[in-house]
């Protein structure tokens, strides 16, 4: 399990990777300025999908991310010891 801080960082990275910079910023702005009940929103998110299908997709996604994170960690270990703005 990762820490709350690591979860926030990985979540933001995933958001930006999925939506791109402009749309991710727009999404964050929409979420922070509107009254939003995440629990209520989440209850209707997969209302039409059977639980076994949700579970299967979640396990596949977890497996994908574990594989991706393992590769990312190996890549990070091979980076030179320089500030991030100097690595490009």
Foldseek 3Di string as FASTA:
>chain_A
DDDPVVVVVVVLVVLCVVQNDPVSVVVVVVVVPDDDDVVVVVVPPPVPPDPVVVVVVVVVVVVVVVVVVVVVVVVVVPDPPDPPVVPD
